[in-house]
Amino acid sequence: MAMRDYLDRAFRFCAFVVVLPYGNIYRQNTRDPLAAFIRGSDNDAAFAGMKEWSEMKLREVQYVQVAGALLFSSLVSALSWTTVQASHWSGPACWYAGIVWSLLAIVLGAQQSMVVPNACKSPGQLDMLRKKVMVGGHGRGDAMLGKRVESEYGSRNVTRWIDRAKDALKREKEAEEKGGKGGGEEEKGQEHDDHHRHHHHFHRNHDEHDEEHHQRPRSQPSHMVLFALQAPLMCLTYSIIFFLAGLTSVVLSPLAENPGWNSDAKTTVLFLVASGVLSITFIATSVVLNDLDKT
């Protein structure tokens, strides 16, 4: 038991380090929406929320594919620079690695763009989809990776996603009501009866589901599913990191071979100052945007 706890802590630490460069996007676009989907007891709202999430996820993977293609072409072009030939080996090595990661981001993004929109096409698929995305839904893989503590998924973002799914359902109903005003009374009555039966079926035990939710330690997304869904963004992020690491190596290499206050030193100082300013700007804007998203 103690060994399993150590493995679980080690896995959680490794997962934290891996997603650190893109943690906010990962939590807001992948982890929290899936946790909200699993915990929600309103299937109508869950279905509307999954439709909205799939559209958002599709926009994310499209961005990843475009950015990955641009990054791939930038890396290939950078390898043709004349300064690369005389630079330290780590520069071109990082760029070669970045090319591989950017290609993988494009391929995985293409996979998700075809799979995610078809994951849940009808409310009848919700129960099966929940089983697939919950811990234990992928058998030995989840058992080897361990289980996250329940409190980790009890954040305000999960509650916000549940509310967001309910808002999406409300907008969907309002759109249906506006579109159905010109129809016949018989058709509207039939639709109302069908919706009433469907709504009653999923809401009659609402309180019991809420009570059960607080008692289920397994009501959390599968590690394997989370890893698969965030993989394109992970590949793109680390491709960018490899590109920046290689660029830094190429810029610093001439100064390392010929130290002194020369043109190479001036170029290095300007590069480091610009990189520091941009890093501070990136961190500051990320913190501000994260705070805005929590309001």
C-alpha atoms as a PDB file:
ATOM      1  CA  MET A   1       0.000   0.000   0.000  1.00  0.00           C
ATOM      2  CA  ALA A   2       2.829   2.372   0.861  1.00  0.00           C
ATOM      3  CA  MET A   3       4.550   1.586  -2.432  1.00  0.00           C
ATOM      4  CA  ARG A   4       1.366   2.447  -4.322  1.00  0.00           C
ATOM      5  CA  ASP A   5       1.139   5.771  -2.489  1.00  0.00           C
ATOM      6  CA  TYR A   6       4.716   6.607  -3.447  1.00  0.00           C
ATOM      7  CA  LEU A   7       4.017   5.740  -7.077  1.00  0.00           C
ATOM      8  CA  ASP A   8       0.866   7.839  -7.047  1.00  0.00           C
ATOM      9  CA  ARG A   9       2.722  10.849  -5.637  1.00  0.00           C
ATOM     10  CA  ALA A  10       5.542  10.408  -8.127  1.00  0.00           C
ATOM     11  CA  PHE A  11       3.059  10.225 -10.989  1.00  0.00           C
ATOM     12  CA  ARG A  12       1.205  13.336  -9.836  1.00  0.00           C
ATOM     13  CA  PHE A  13       4.466  15.259  -9.524  1.00  0.00           C
ATOM     14  CA  CYS A  14       5.568  14.171 -13.000  1.00  0.00           C
ATOM     15  CA  ALA A  15       2.173  15.091 -14.441  1.00  0.00           C
ATOM     16  CA  PHE A  16       2.383  18.514 -12.779  1.00  0.00           C
ATOM     17  CA  VAL A  17       5.829  19.137 -14.288  1.00  0.00           C
ATOM     18  CA  VAL A  18       4.764  17.959 -17.757  1.00  0.00           C
ATOM     19  CA  VAL A  19       1.690  20.227 -17.979  1.00  0.00           C
ATOM     20  CA  LEU A  20       3.323  23.188 -16.218  1.00  0.00           C
ATOM     21  CA  PRO A  21       4.055  25.161 -19.440  1.00  0.00           C
ATOM     22  CA  TYR A  22       0.399  24.938 -20.547  1.00  0.00           C
ATOM     23  CA  GLY A  23      -1.347  24.111 -17.282  1.00  0.00           C
ATOM     24  CA  ASN A  24      -4.108  26.731 -17.491  1.00  0.00           C
ATOM     25  CA  ILE A  25      -5.206  25.677 -20.971  1.00  0.00           C
ATOM     26  CA  TYR A  26      -5.046  22.017 -19.969  1.00  0.00           C
ATOM     27  CA  ARG A  27      -7.215  22.529 -16.891  1.00  0.00           C
ATOM     28  CA  GLN A  28      -9.759  24.829 -18.549  1.00  0.00           C
ATOM     29  CA  ASN A  29     -10.121  23.010 -21.874  1.00  0.00           C
ATOM     30  CA  THR A  30      -9.617  19.366 -20.910  1.00  0.00           C
ATOM     31  CA  ARG A  31      -9.510  18.329 -17.256  1.00  0.00           C
ATOM     32  CA  ASP A  32     -12.234  20.475 -15.695  1.00  0.00           C
ATOM     33  CA  PRO A  33     -14.816  20.032 -18.496  1.00  0.00           C
ATOM     34  CA  LEU A  34     -14.457  16.242 -18.313  1.00  0.00           C
ATOM     35  CA  ALA A  35     -14.699  16.298 -14.517  1.00  0.00           C
ATOM     36  CA  ALA A  36     -17.861  18.396 -14.787  1.00  0.00           C
ATOM     37  CA  PHE A  37     -19.294  15.994 -17.374  1.00  0.00           C
ATOM     38  CA  ILE A  38     -18.692  12.996 -15.109  1.00  0.00           C
ATOM     39  CA  ARG A  39     -20.126  14.680 -12.034  1.00  0.00           C
ATOM     40  CA  GLY A  40     -23.207  16.206 -13.648  1.00  0.00           C
ATOM     41  CA  SER A  41     -26.480  14.437 -12.892  1.00  0.00           C
ATOM     42  CA  ASP A  42     -28.492  16.386 -15.501  1.00  0.00           C
ATOM     43  CA  ASN A  43     -28.070  14.466 -18.751  1.00  0.00           C
ATOM     44  CA  ASP A  44     -29.731  17.177 -20.828  1.00  0.00           C
ATOM     45  CA  ALA A  45     -27.244  19.751 -19.555  1.00  0.00           C
ATOM     46  CA  ALA A  46     -24.391  17.238 -19.862  1.00  0.00           C
ATOM     47  CA  PHE A  47     -25.204  16.611 -23.519  1.00  0.00           C
ATOM     48  CA  ALA A  48     -25.402  20.338 -24.282  1.00  0.00           C
ATOM     49  CA  GLY A  49     -22.159  20.879 -22.371  1.00  0.00           C
ATOM     50  CA  MET A  50     -20.389  18.114 -24.277  1.00  0.00           C
ATOM     51  CA  LYS A  51     -21.464  19.659 -27.578  1.00  0.00           C
ATOM     52  CA  GLU A  52     -20.078  23.017 -26.504  1.00  0.00           C
ATOM     53  CA  TRP A  53     -16.884  21.386 -25.215  1.00  0.00           C
ATOM     54  CA  SER A  54     -16.351  19.427 -28.440  1.00  0.00           C
ATOM     55  CA  GLU A  55     -16.625  22.660 -30.439  1.00  0.00           C
ATOM     56  CA  MET A  56     -14.118  24.356 -28.141  1.00  0.00           C
ATOM     57  CA  LYS A  57     -11.765  21.358 -28.332  1.00  0.00           C
ATOM     58  CA  LEU A  58     -12.049  21.356 -32.109  1.00  0.00           C
ATOM     59  CA  ARG A  59     -10.975  25.005 -32.213  1.00  0.00           C
ATOM     60  CA  GLU A  60      -8.028  24.137 -29.969  1.00  0.00           C
ATOM     61  CA  VAL A  61      -6.759  21.310 -32.180  1.00  0.00           C
ATOM     62  CA  GLN A  62      -7.196  23.457 -35.292  1.00  0.00           C
ATOM     63  CA  TYR A  63      -5.019  26.110 -33.671  1.00  0.00           C
ATOM     64  CA  VAL A  64      -2.480  23.432 -32.725  1.00  0.00           C
ATOM     65  CA  GLN A  65      -2.344  22.161 -36.311  1.00  0.00           C
ATOM     66  CA  VAL A  66      -1.837  25.632 -37.802  1.00  0.00           C
ATOM     67  CA  ALA A  67       0.755  26.617 -35.195  1.00  0.00           C
ATOM     68  CA  GLY A  68       2.499  23.253 -35.567  1.00  0.00           C
ATOM     69  CA  ALA A  69       2.760  23.688 -39.332  1.00  0.00           C
ATOM     70  CA  LEU A  70       4.196  27.202 -38.957  1.00  0.00           C
ATOM     71  CA  LEU A  71       6.638  26.001 -36.324  1.00  0.00           C
ATOM     72  CA  PHE A  72       7.712  23.077 -38.503  1.00  0.00           C
ATOM     73  CA  SER A  73       8.526  25.377 -41.425  1.00  0.00           C
ATOM     74  CA  SER A  74      10.367  27.775 -39.079  1.00  0.00           C
ATOM     75  CA  LEU A  75      12.509  24.975 -37.682  1.00  0.00           C
ATOM     76  CA  VAL A  76      13.382  23.626 -41.121  1.00  0.00           C
ATOM     77  CA  SER A  77      14.346  27.123 -42.283  1.00  0.00           C
ATOM     78  CA  ALA A  78      16.416  27.762 -39.154  1.00  0.00           C
ATOM     79  CA  LEU A  79      18.551  24.686 -39.819  1.00  0.00           C
ATOM     80  CA  SER A  80      19.770  26.291 -43.058  1.00  0.00           C
ATOM     81  CA  TRP A  81      21.329  29.268 -41.256  1.00  0.00           C
ATOM     82  CA  THR A  82      25.074  29.542 -41.799  1.00  0.00           C
ATOM     83  CA  THR A  83      25.689  30.160 -38.084  1.00  0.00           C
ATOM     84  CA  VAL A  84      24.242  26.742 -37.231  1.00  0.00           C
ATOM     85  CA  GLN A  85      27.224  24.960 -38.773  1.00  0.00           C
ATOM     86  CA  ALA A  86      29.623  26.545 -36.282  1.00  0.00           C
ATOM     87  CA  SER A  87      27.322  26.470 -33.269  1.00  0.00           C
ATOM     88  CA  HIS A  88      27.254  24.014 -30.388  1.00  0.00           C
ATOM     89  CA  TRP A  89      25.711  20.623 -31.179  1.00  0.00           C
ATOM     90  CA  SER A  90      22.822  21.236 -28.766  1.00  0.00           C
ATOM     91  CA  GLY A  91      21.343  23.929 -31.022  1.00  0.00           C
ATOM     92  CA  PRO A  92      20.582  21.836 -34.116  1.00  0.00           C
ATOM     93  CA  ALA A  93      19.816  18.828 -31.882  1.00  0.00           C
ATOM     94  CA  CYS A  94      17.023  20.773 -30.166  1.00  0.00           C
ATOM     95  CA  TRP A  95      15.691  21.919 -33.527  1.00  0.00           C
ATOM     96  CA  TYR A  96      15.621  18.366 -34.886  1.00  0.00           C
ATOM     97  CA  ALA A  97      13.685  17.327 -31.782  1.00  0.00           C
ATOM     98  CA  GLY A  98      11.339  20.275 -32.273  1.00  0.00           C
ATOM     99  CA  ILE A  99      10.613  19.150 -35.836  1.00  0.00           C
ATOM    100  CA  VAL A 100       9.564  15.713 -34.601  1.00  0.00           C
ATOM    101  CA  TRP A 101       7.350  17.165 -31.850  1.00  0.00           C
ATOM    102  CA  SER A 102       5.673  19.632 -34.231  1.00  0.00           C
ATOM    103  CA  LEU A 103       4.925  16.840 -36.722  1.00  0.00           C
ATOM    104  CA  LEU A 104       3.415  14.741 -33.936  1.00  0.00           C
ATOM    105  CA  ALA A 105       1.288  17.717 -32.830  1.00  0.00           C
ATOM    106  CA  ILE A 106      -0.121  18.016 -36.364  1.00  0.00           C
ATOM    107  CA  VAL A 107      -0.871  14.291 -36.646  1.00  0.00           C
ATOM    108  CA  LEU A 108      -2.478  13.999 -33.195  1.00  0.00           C
ATOM    109  CA  GLY A 109      -4.467  17.164 -33.839  1.00  0.00           C
ATOM    110  CA  ALA A 110      -5.824  15.652 -37.052  1.00  0.00           C
ATOM    111  CA  GLN A 111      -6.852  12.526 -35.136  1.00  0.00           C
ATOM    112  CA  GLN A 112      -8.726  14.513 -32.504  1.00  0.00           C
ATOM    113  CA  SER A 113     -10.428  16.745 -35.073  1.00  0.00           C
ATOM    114  CA  MET A 114     -12.079  13.598 -36.465  1.00  0.00           C
ATOM    115  CA  VAL A 115     -12.767  11.765 -33.192  1.00  0.00           C
ATOM    116  CA  VAL A 116     -13.903  14.434 -30.707  1.00  0.00           C
ATOM    117  CA  PRO A 117     -16.933  15.777 -32.692  1.00  0.00           C
ATOM    118  CA  ASN A 118     -18.254  12.208 -33.013  1.00  0.00           C
ATOM    119  CA  ALA A 119     -17.718  11.216 -29.374  1.00  0.00           C
ATOM    120  CA  CYS A 120     -21.278  12.016 -28.299  1.00  0.00           C
ATOM    121  CA  LYS A 121     -23.917  12.533 -30.975  1.00  0.00           C
ATOM    122  CA  SER A 122     -26.988  11.710 -28.883  1.00  0.00           C
ATOM    123  CA  PRO A 123     -28.017  11.760 -25.192  1.00  0.00           C
ATOM    124  CA  GLY A 124     -28.236   7.970 -25.282  1.00  0.00           C
ATOM    125  CA  GLN A 125     -24.449   7.740 -25.591  1.00  0.00           C
ATOM    126  CA  LEU A 126     -23.768   9.696 -22.389  1.00  0.00           C
ATOM    127  CA  ASP A 127     -23.660   6.754 -19.978  1.00  0.00           C
ATOM    128  CA  MET A 128     -21.293   4.773 -22.190  1.00  0.00           C
ATOM    129  CA  LEU A 129     -19.093   7.842 -22.682  1.00  0.00           C
ATOM    130  CA  ARG A 130     -18.956   8.470 -18.929  1.00  0.00           C
ATOM    131  CA  LYS A 131     -17.721   4.921 -18.339  1.00  0.00           C
ATOM    132  CA  LYS A 132     -14.998   5.394 -20.933  1.00  0.00           C
ATOM    133  CA  VAL A 133     -13.658   8.678 -19.563  1.00  0.00           C
ATOM    134  CA  MET A 134     -13.835   7.764 -15.857  1.00  0.00           C
ATOM    135  CA  VAL A 135     -10.952   6.332 -13.850  1.00  0.00           C
ATOM    136  CA  GLY A 136     -10.956   2.590 -14.367  1.00  0.00           C
ATOM    137  CA  GLY A 137     -12.502   2.882 -17.803  1.00  0.00           C
ATOM    138  CA  HIS A 138      -9.200   1.910 -19.393  1.00  0.00           C
ATOM    139  CA  GLY A 139      -8.298  -0.906 -17.052  1.00  0.00           C
ATOM    140  CA  ARG A 140      -4.669  -1.615 -16.234  1.00  0.00           C
ATOM    141  CA  GLY A 141      -3.385   1.721 -17.566  1.00  0.00           C
ATOM    142  CA  ASP A 142      -5.284   3.668 -14.922  1.00  0.00           C
ATOM    143  CA  ALA A 143      -4.400   1.166 -12.224  1.00  0.00           C
ATOM    144  CA  MET A 144      -0.693   1.558 -12.979  1.00  0.00           C
ATOM    145  CA  LEU A 145      -0.921   5.340 -12.960  1.00  0.00           C
ATOM    146  CA  GLY A 146      -2.834   5.505  -9.697  1.00  0.00           C
ATOM    147  CA  LYS A 147      -5.765   7.694  -8.704  1.00  0.00           C
ATOM    148  CA  ARG A 148      -5.824  11.403  -8.064  1.00  0.00           C
ATOM    149  CA  VAL A 149      -7.372  12.656  -4.865  1.00  0.00           C
ATOM    150  CA  GLU A 150     -10.981  13.744  -5.136  1.00  0.00           C
ATOM    151  CA  SER A 151     -10.293  17.257  -3.869  1.00  0.00           C
ATOM    152  CA  GLU A 152      -8.108  17.959  -6.900  1.00  0.00           C
ATOM    153  CA  TYR A 153     -11.219  17.948  -9.060  1.00  0.00           C
ATOM    154  CA  GLY A 154     -13.353  19.873  -6.575  1.00  0.00           C
ATOM    155  CA  SER A 155     -12.199  23.251  -7.852  1.00  0.00           C
ATOM    156  CA  ARG A 156     -14.444  26.145  -8.732  1.00  0.00           C
ATOM    157  CA  ASN A 157     -13.669  25.591 -12.424  1.00  0.00           C
ATOM    158  CA  VAL A 158     -15.513  22.254 -12.352  1.00  0.00           C
ATOM    159  CA  THR A 159     -18.601  23.911 -10.856  1.00  0.00           C
ATOM    160  CA  ARG A 160     -18.341  26.663 -13.442  1.00  0.00           C
ATOM    161  CA  TRP A 161     -18.288  24.095 -16.225  1.00  0.00           C
ATOM    162  CA  ILE A 162     -21.429  22.453 -14.823  1.00  0.00           C
ATOM    163  CA  ASP A 163     -23.132  25.867 -14.792  1.00  0.00           C
ATOM    164  CA  ARG A 164     -21.825  26.523 -18.283  1.00  0.00           C
ATOM    165  CA  ALA A 165     -23.387  23.275 -19.503  1.00  0.00           C
ATOM    166  CA  LYS A 166     -26.725  24.288 -17.964  1.00  0.00           C
ATOM    167  CA  ASP A 167     -26.498  27.682 -19.675  1.00  0.00           C
ATOM    168  CA  ALA A 168     -25.802  25.951 -22.985  1.00  0.00           C
ATOM    169  CA  LEU A 169     -28.897  23.791 -22.467  1.00  0.00           C
ATOM    170  CA  LYS A 170     -30.965  26.891 -21.677  1.00  0.00           C
ATOM    171  CA  ARG A 171     -29.796  28.631 -24.848  1.00  0.00           C
ATOM    172  CA  GLU A 172     -30.544  25.496 -26.856  1.00  0.00           C
ATOM    173  CA  LYS A 173     -34.076  25.345 -25.483  1.00  0.00           C
ATOM    174  CA  GLU A 174     -34.653  29.045 -26.178  1.00  0.00           C
ATOM    175  CA  ALA A 175     -33.445  28.605 -29.754  1.00  0.00           C
ATOM    176  CA  GLU A 176     -35.787  25.626 -30.224  1.00  0.00           C
ATOM    177  CA  GLU A 177     -38.730  27.607 -28.822  1.00  0.00           C
ATOM    178  CA  LYS A 178     -38.054  30.539 -31.136  1.00  0.00           C
ATOM    179  CA  GLY A 179     -37.659  28.251 -34.144  1.00  0.00           C
ATOM    180  CA  GLY A 180     -40.828  26.323 -33.366  1.00  0.00           C
ATOM    181  CA  LYS A 181     -43.231  29.242 -33.022  1.00  0.00           C
ATOM    182  CA  GLY A 182     -44.358  28.975 -36.628  1.00  0.00           C
ATOM    183  CA  GLY A 183     -45.048  25.228 -36.436  1.00  0.00           C
ATOM    184  CA  GLY A 184     -48.342  23.457 -35.832  1.00  0.00           C
ATOM    185  CA  GLU A 185     -49.768  22.981 -32.375  1.00  0.00           C
ATOM    186  CA  GLU A 186     -49.773  19.211 -32.754  1.00  0.00           C
ATOM    187  CA  GLU A 187     -46.047  19.073 -33.583  1.00  0.00           C
ATOM    188  CA  LYS A 188     -45.184  21.406 -30.724  1.00  0.00           C
ATOM    189  CA  GLY A 189     -47.303  19.372 -28.339  1.00  0.00           C
ATOM    190  CA  GLN A 190     -45.589  16.147 -29.374  1.00  0.00           C
ATOM    191  CA  GLU A 191     -42.137  17.725 -28.953  1.00  0.00           C
ATOM    192  CA  HIS A 192     -43.155  19.067 -25.558  1.00  0.00           C
ATOM    193  CA  ASP A 193     -44.352  15.647 -24.398  1.00  0.00           C
ATOM    194  CA  ASP A 194     -41.160  13.946 -25.614  1.00  0.00           C
ATOM    195  CA  HIS A 195     -38.986  16.534 -23.954  1.00  0.00           C
ATOM    196  CA  HIS A 196     -41.024  16.353 -20.744  1.00  0.00           C
ATOM    197  CA  ARG A 197     -40.612  12.569 -20.537  1.00  0.00           C
ATOM    198  CA  HIS A 198     -36.880  12.834 -21.285  1.00  0.00           C
ATOM    199  CA  HIS A 199     -36.457  15.663 -18.772  1.00  0.00           C
ATOM    200  CA  HIS A 200     -38.412  13.810 -16.078  1.00  0.00           C
ATOM    201  CA  HIS A 201     -36.431  10.599 -16.606  1.00  0.00           C
ATOM    202  CA  PHE A 202     -33.101  12.284 -15.934  1.00  0.00           C
ATOM    203  CA  HIS A 203     -34.258  14.642 -13.146  1.00  0.00           C
ATOM    204  CA  ARG A 204     -36.411  12.474 -10.919  1.00  0.00           C
ATOM    205  CA  ASN A 205     -33.405  11.375  -8.820  1.00  0.00           C
ATOM    206  CA  HIS A 206     -31.447  14.639  -8.988  1.00  0.00           C
ATOM    207  CA  ASP A 207     -30.882  14.923  -5.237  1.00  0.00           C
ATOM    208  CA  GLU A 208     -29.823  11.276  -4.998  1.00  0.00           C
ATOM    209  CA  HIS A 209     -27.285  11.793  -7.775  1.00  0.00           C
ATOM    210  CA  ASP A 210     -25.845  14.875  -6.053  1.00  0.00           C
ATOM    211  CA  GLU A 211     -25.515  12.954  -2.791  1.00  0.00           C
ATOM    212  CA  GLU A 212     -23.925  10.015  -4.610  1.00  0.00           C
ATOM    213  CA  HIS A 213     -21.454  12.353  -6.335  1.00  0.00           C
ATOM    214  CA  HIS A 214     -19.910  13.348  -3.021  1.00  0.00           C
ATOM    215  CA  GLN A 215     -19.501   9.697  -2.067  1.00  0.00           C
ATOM    216  CA  ARG A 216     -17.768   8.462  -5.256  1.00  0.00           C
ATOM    217  CA  PRO A 217     -13.996   8.725  -5.130  1.00  0.00           C
ATOM    218  CA  ARG A 218     -13.806   7.301  -8.667  1.00  0.00           C
ATOM    219  CA  SER A 219     -15.851  10.129 -10.244  1.00  0.00           C
ATOM    220  CA  GLN A 220     -12.824  11.673 -11.940  1.00  0.00           C
ATOM    221  CA  PRO A 221     -11.427  11.610 -15.469  1.00  0.00           C
ATOM    222  CA  SER A 222      -9.215   8.752 -16.581  1.00  0.00           C
ATOM    223  CA  HIS A 223      -5.501   9.551 -16.710  1.00  0.00           C
ATOM    224  CA  MET A 224      -5.220   7.827 -20.061  1.00  0.00           C
ATOM    225  CA  VAL A 225      -8.078   9.873 -21.552  1.00  0.00           C
ATOM    226  CA  LEU A 226      -6.659  13.125 -20.181  1.00  0.00           C
ATOM    227  CA  PHE A 227      -3.228  12.317 -21.587  1.00  0.00           C
ATOM    228  CA  ALA A 228      -4.652  11.500 -25.024  1.00  0.00           C
ATOM    229  CA  LEU A 229      -6.760  14.671 -25.178  1.00  0.00           C
ATOM    230  CA  GLN A 230      -3.950  16.997 -24.157  1.00  0.00           C
ATOM    231  CA  ALA A 231      -1.266  15.297 -26.275  1.00  0.00           C
ATOM    232  CA  PRO A 232      -1.460  17.653 -29.328  1.00  0.00           C
ATOM    233  CA  LEU A 233      -1.102  20.739 -27.136  1.00  0.00           C
ATOM    234  CA  MET A 234       1.738  19.068 -25.216  1.00  0.00           C
ATOM    235  CA  CYS A 235       3.627  18.280 -28.438  1.00  0.00           C
ATOM    236  CA  LEU A 236       3.183  21.835 -29.731  1.00  0.00           C
ATOM    237  CA  THR A 237       4.316  23.337 -26.420  1.00  0.00           C
ATOM    238  CA  TYR A 238       7.452  21.239 -26.188  1.00  0.00           C
ATOM    239  CA  SER A 239       8.232  21.861 -29.833  1.00  0.00           C
ATOM    240  CA  ILE A 240       8.234  25.599 -29.048  1.00  0.00           C
ATOM    241  CA  ILE A 241      10.455  24.954 -26.024  1.00  0.00           C
ATOM    242  CA  PHE A 242      12.929  22.989 -28.159  1.00  0.00           C
ATOM    243  CA  PHE A 243      12.937  25.775 -30.732  1.00  0.00           C
ATOM    244  CA  LEU A 244      13.715  28.427 -28.100  1.00  0.00           C
ATOM    245  CA  ALA A 245      16.347  26.222 -26.447  1.00  0.00           C
ATOM    246  CA  GLY A 246      18.064  25.632 -29.789  1.00  0.00           C
ATOM    247  CA  LEU A 247      17.912  29.328 -30.647  1.00  0.00           C
ATOM    248  CA  THR A 248      19.533  30.215 -27.326  1.00  0.00           C
ATOM    249  CA  SER A 249      22.297  27.692 -27.939  1.00  0.00           C
ATOM    250  CA  VAL A 250      22.998  29.048 -31.426  1.00  0.00           C
ATOM    251  CA  VAL A 251      23.128  32.652 -30.187  1.00  0.00           C
ATOM    252  CA  LEU A 252      25.398  31.870 -27.218  1.00  0.00           C
ATOM    253  CA  SER A 253      27.791  29.529 -29.069  1.00  0.00           C
ATOM    254  CA  PRO A 254      29.979  32.236 -30.732  1.00  0.00           C
ATOM    255  CA  LEU A 255      30.499  34.032 -27.419  1.00  0.00           C
ATOM    256  CA  ALA A 256      31.494  30.795 -25.705  1.00  0.00           C
ATOM    257  CA  GLU A 257      34.166  30.147 -28.343  1.00  0.00           C
ATOM    258  CA  ASN A 258      35.422  33.739 -28.449  1.00  0.00           C
ATOM    259  CA  PRO A 259      34.807  35.466 -25.095  1.00  0.00           C
ATOM    260  CA  GLY A 260      35.215  39.219 -24.803  1.00  0.00           C
ATOM    261  CA  TRP A 261      33.239  42.396 -25.415  1.00  0.00           C
ATOM    262  CA  ASN A 262      32.787  42.008 -29.144  1.00  0.00           C
ATOM    263  CA  SER A 263      29.866  41.899 -31.582  1.00  0.00           C
ATOM    264  CA  ASP A 264      28.947  38.389 -30.450  1.00  0.00           C
ATOM    265  CA  ALA A 265      28.776  39.551 -26.818  1.00  0.00           C
ATOM    266  CA  LYS A 266      26.584  42.532 -27.755  1.00  0.00           C
ATOM    267  CA  THR A 267      24.273  40.266 -29.721  1.00  0.00           C
ATOM    268  CA  THR A 268      24.043  37.873 -26.768  1.00  0.00           C
ATOM    269  CA  VAL A 269      23.250  40.664 -24.288  1.00  0.00           C
ATOM    270  CA  LEU A 270      20.522  42.093 -26.504  1.00  0.00           C
ATOM    271  CA  PHE A 271      19.067  38.625 -27.055  1.00  0.00           C
ATOM    272  CA  LEU A 272      19.019  37.821 -23.331  1.00  0.00           C
ATOM    273  CA  VAL A 273      17.483  41.191 -22.409  1.00  0.00           C
ATOM    274  CA  ALA A 274      14.762  40.796 -25.041  1.00  0.00           C
ATOM    275  CA  SER A 275      14.094  37.233 -23.928  1.00  0.00           C
ATOM    276  CA  GLY A 276      13.837  38.319 -20.286  1.00  0.00           C
ATOM    277  CA  VAL A 277      11.382  41.100 -21.095  1.00  0.00           C
ATOM    278  CA  LEU A 278       9.258  38.785 -23.206  1.00  0.00           C
ATOM    279  CA  SER A 279       9.296  36.084 -20.504  1.00  0.00           C
ATOM    280  CA  ILE A 280       8.096  38.556 -17.872  1.00  0.00           C
ATOM    281  CA  THR A 281       5.401  39.811 -20.262  1.00  0.00           C
ATOM    282  CA  PHE A 282       4.238  36.270 -20.987  1.00  0.00           C
ATOM    283  CA  ILE A 283       4.048  35.332 -17.297  1.00  0.00           C
ATOM    284  CA  ALA A 284       2.275  38.569 -16.344  1.00  0.00           C
ATOM    285  CA  THR A 285      -0.339  38.305 -19.099  1.00  0.00           C
ATOM    286  CA  SER A 286      -0.912  34.619 -18.311  1.00  0.00           C
ATOM    287  CA  VAL A 287      -1.572  35.429 -14.645  1.00  0.00           C
ATOM    288  CA  VAL A 288      -3.952  38.285 -15.545  1.00  0.00           C
ATOM    289  CA  LEU A 289      -5.878  36.203 -18.082  1.00  0.00           C
ATOM    290  CA  ASN A 290      -6.123  33.323 -15.622  1.00  0.00           C
ATOM    291  CA  ASP A 291      -7.591  35.657 -12.995  1.00  0.00           C
ATOM    292  CA  LEU A 292     -10.065  37.055 -15.528  1.00  0.00           C
ATOM    293  CA  ASP A 293     -11.197  33.556 -16.414  1.00  0.00           C
ATOM    294  CA  LYS A 294     -11.963  32.840 -12.745  1.00  0.00           C
ATOM    295  CA  THR A 295     -14.383  35.762 -12.421  1.00  0.00           C
END
